[in-house]
Amino acid sequence: EPVGGAHRDHKQMAAFLKRALGDAFRQLADLKTKDLLDRRYDRLQSYGRFNDTKAESR
């Protein structure tokens, strides 16, 4: 994020966003469709799950 926040430098923020989205797209483009679908399925199936752990004693 630009110094002072995204609202202070729209052009710089757009450049950061363009680079981040491009990097993310390139990573996804390298994956096979089946792998993408499997990842999506696993992510959606994990909604609502939580791990029940005991609190540390003090």
N, C-alpha and C. Protein backbone atom coordinates (compact mmCIF):
# COMPACT_ATOMS: atom_id res chain seq x y z
N GLU A 1 0.85 -1.17 0.00
CA GLU A 1 0.00 0.00 0.00
C GLU A 1 0.90 1.23 0.00
N PRO A 2 0.54 2.26 -0.76
CA PRO A 2 1.35 3.48 -0.79
C PRO A 2 1.42 4.13 0.60
N VAL A 3 2.46 4.91 0.82
CA VAL A 3 2.62 5.63 2.08
C VAL A 3 1.39 6.51 2.30
N GLY A 4 0.81 6.43 3.46
CA GLY A 4 -0.36 7.24 3.78
C GLY A 4 -1.68 6.58 3.42
N GLY A 5 -1.63 5.45 2.75
CA GLY A 5 -2.86 4.74 2.42
C GLY A 5 -3.17 4.76 0.94
N ALA A 6 -4.00 3.83 0.53
CA ALA A 6 -4.36 3.67 -0.88
C ALA A 6 -5.07 4.90 -1.42
N HIS A 7 -5.83 5.58 -0.58
CA HIS A 7 -6.59 6.75 -1.03
C HIS A 7 -5.71 7.95 -1.35
N ARG A 8 -4.46 7.92 -0.93
CA ARG A 8 -3.57 9.05 -1.18
C ARG A 8 -2.86 8.98 -2.53
N ASP A 9 -2.71 7.78 -3.07
CA ASP A 9 -2.00 7.64 -4.35
C ASP A 9 -2.67 6.54 -5.17
N HIS A 10 -3.70 6.93 -5.89
CA HIS A 10 -4.49 5.96 -6.66
C HIS A 10 -3.66 5.25 -7.73
N LYS A 11 -2.80 6.00 -8.41
CA LYS A 11 -2.00 5.40 -9.48
C LYS A 11 -1.03 4.36 -8.92
N GLN A 12 -0.39 4.67 -7.83
CA GLN A 12 0.55 3.72 -7.22
C GLN A 12 -0.20 2.49 -6.72
N MET A 13 -1.36 2.70 -6.13
CA MET A 13 -2.15 1.56 -5.65
C MET A 13 -2.59 0.69 -6.81
N ALA A 14 -2.98 1.31 -7.92
CA ALA A 14 -3.38 0.53 -9.10
C ALA A 14 -2.20 -0.29 -9.62
N ALA A 15 -1.00 0.27 -9.59
CA ALA A 15 0.19 -0.46 -10.04
C ALA A 15 0.47 -1.65 -9.12
N PHE A 16 0.36 -1.44 -7.80
CA PHE A 16 0.56 -2.54 -6.84
C PHE A 16 -0.47 -3.64 -7.08
N LEU A 17 -1.71 -3.24 -7.26
CA LEU A 17 -2.79 -4.20 -7.47
C LEU A 17 -2.60 -4.98 -8.76
N LYS A 18 -2.20 -4.27 -9.82
CA LYS A 18 -1.97 -4.93 -11.11
C LYS A 18 -0.88 -5.99 -10.98
N ARG A 19 0.20 -5.65 -10.29
CA ARG A 19 1.30 -6.60 -10.10
C ARG A 19 0.85 -7.80 -9.26
N ALA A 20 0.13 -7.55 -8.17
CA ALA A 20 -0.31 -8.63 -7.29
C ALA A 20 -1.29 -9.56 -8.01
N LEU A 21 -2.22 -8.99 -8.76
CA LEU A 21 -3.18 -9.82 -9.49
C LEU A 21 -2.49 -10.62 -10.59
N GLY A 22 -1.53 -10.00 -11.27
CA GLY A 22 -0.77 -10.71 -12.30
C GLY A 22 0.00 -11.88 -11.73
N ASP A 23 0.65 -11.67 -10.58
CA ASP A 23 1.40 -12.75 -9.93
C ASP A 23 0.46 -13.89 -9.54
N ALA A 24 -0.68 -13.55 -8.96
CA ALA A 24 -1.64 -14.58 -8.53
C ALA A 24 -2.18 -15.34 -9.74
N PHE A 25 -2.47 -14.64 -10.81
CA PHE A 25 -2.99 -15.30 -12.01
C PHE A 25 -1.96 -16.25 -12.60
N ARG A 26 -0.70 -15.83 -12.65
CA ARG A 26 0.35 -16.70 -13.19
C ARG A 26 0.50 -17.97 -12.36
N GLN A 27 0.37 -17.86 -11.05
CA GLN A 27 0.45 -19.05 -10.20
C GLN A 27 -0.71 -19.99 -10.48
N LEU A 28 -1.90 -19.45 -10.65
CA LEU A 28 -3.07 -20.29 -10.93
C LEU A 28 -3.01 -20.87 -12.33
N ALA A 29 -2.47 -20.12 -13.28
CA ALA A 29 -2.41 -20.58 -14.66
C ALA A 29 -1.52 -21.81 -14.81
N ASP A 30 -0.58 -21.98 -13.89
CA ASP A 30 0.32 -23.13 -13.93
C ASP A 30 -0.34 -24.41 -13.42
N LEU A 31 -1.48 -24.29 -12.76
CA LEU A 31 -2.15 -25.46 -12.19
C LEU A 31 -3.10 -26.09 -13.20
N LYS A 32 -3.25 -27.39 -13.07
CA LYS A 32 -4.19 -28.11 -13.93
C LYS A 32 -5.61 -27.88 -13.42
N THR A 33 -6.57 -27.96 -14.32
CA THR A 33 -7.97 -27.72 -13.97
C THR A 33 -8.41 -28.64 -12.84
N LYS A 34 -8.05 -29.91 -12.89
CA LYS A 34 -8.45 -30.85 -11.84
C LYS A 34 -7.90 -30.41 -10.49
N ASP A 35 -6.65 -29.94 -10.46
CA ASP A 35 -6.06 -29.48 -9.20
C ASP A 35 -6.82 -28.26 -8.66
N LEU A 36 -7.17 -27.33 -9.55
CA LEU A 36 -7.94 -26.16 -9.12
C LEU A 36 -9.29 -26.56 -8.54
N LEU A 37 -9.96 -27.48 -9.23
CA LEU A 37 -11.27 -27.93 -8.76
C LEU A 37 -11.16 -28.67 -7.44
N ASP A 38 -10.13 -29.50 -7.29
CA ASP A 38 -9.92 -30.21 -6.02
C ASP A 38 -9.67 -29.23 -4.87
N ARG A 39 -8.85 -28.22 -5.13
CA ARG A 39 -8.57 -27.21 -4.10
C ARG A 39 -9.84 -26.47 -3.72
N ARG A 40 -10.64 -26.11 -4.72
CA ARG A 40 -11.90 -25.40 -4.45
C ARG A 40 -12.84 -26.28 -3.63
N TYR A 41 -12.96 -27.54 -4.03
CA TYR A 41 -13.83 -28.47 -3.31
C TYR A 41 -13.39 -28.60 -1.85
N ASP A 42 -12.10 -28.82 -1.64
CA ASP A 42 -11.58 -28.97 -0.28
C ASP A 42 -11.83 -27.71 0.55
N ARG A 43 -11.63 -26.55 -0.06
CA ARG A 43 -11.85 -25.29 0.65
C ARG A 43 -13.32 -25.15 1.06
N LEU A 44 -14.21 -25.41 0.12
CA LEU A 44 -15.63 -25.27 0.42
C LEU A 44 -16.10 -26.29 1.45
N GLN A 45 -15.55 -27.50 1.39
CA GLN A 45 -15.93 -28.53 2.35
C GLN A 45 -15.42 -28.22 3.76
N SER A 46 -14.39 -27.39 3.86
CA SER A 46 -13.83 -27.08 5.18
C SER A 46 -14.60 -25.96 5.89
N TYR A 47 -15.51 -25.28 5.21
CA TYR A 47 -16.29 -24.21 5.85
C TYR A 47 -17.05 -24.78 7.04
N GLY A 48 -16.97 -24.08 8.14
CA GLY A 48 -17.70 -24.49 9.33
C GLY A 48 -16.93 -25.43 10.23
N ARG A 49 -15.79 -25.92 9.79
CA ARG A 49 -14.97 -26.79 10.63
C ARG A 49 -14.14 -25.94 11.57
N PHE A 50 -13.87 -26.48 12.72
CA PHE A 50 -12.98 -25.81 13.64
C PHE A 50 -12.24 -26.86 14.45
N ASN A 51 -11.14 -26.44 15.01
CA ASN A 51 -10.35 -27.33 15.86
C ASN A 51 -10.63 -26.97 17.30
N ASP A 52 -11.01 -27.94 18.09
CA ASP A 52 -11.28 -27.73 19.50
C ASP A 52 -10.01 -28.05 20.27
N THR A 53 -9.37 -27.02 20.79
CA THR A 53 -8.14 -27.23 21.55
C THR A 53 -8.35 -26.70 22.97
N LYS A 54 -7.66 -27.31 23.90
CA LYS A 54 -7.76 -26.87 25.29
C LYS A 54 -6.91 -25.62 25.47
N ALA A 55 -7.43 -24.71 26.24
CA ALA A 55 -6.69 -23.49 26.55
C ALA A 55 -5.52 -23.85 27.44
N GLU A 56 -4.43 -23.12 27.25
CA GLU A 56 -3.26 -23.36 28.09
C GLU A 56 -3.57 -22.92 29.52
N SER A 57 -3.13 -23.71 30.48
CA SER A 57 -3.34 -23.32 31.88
C SER A 57 -2.28 -22.30 32.26
N ARG A 58 -2.69 -21.39 33.11
CA ARG A 58 -1.77 -20.32 33.52
C ARG A 58 -1.23 -20.55 34.88
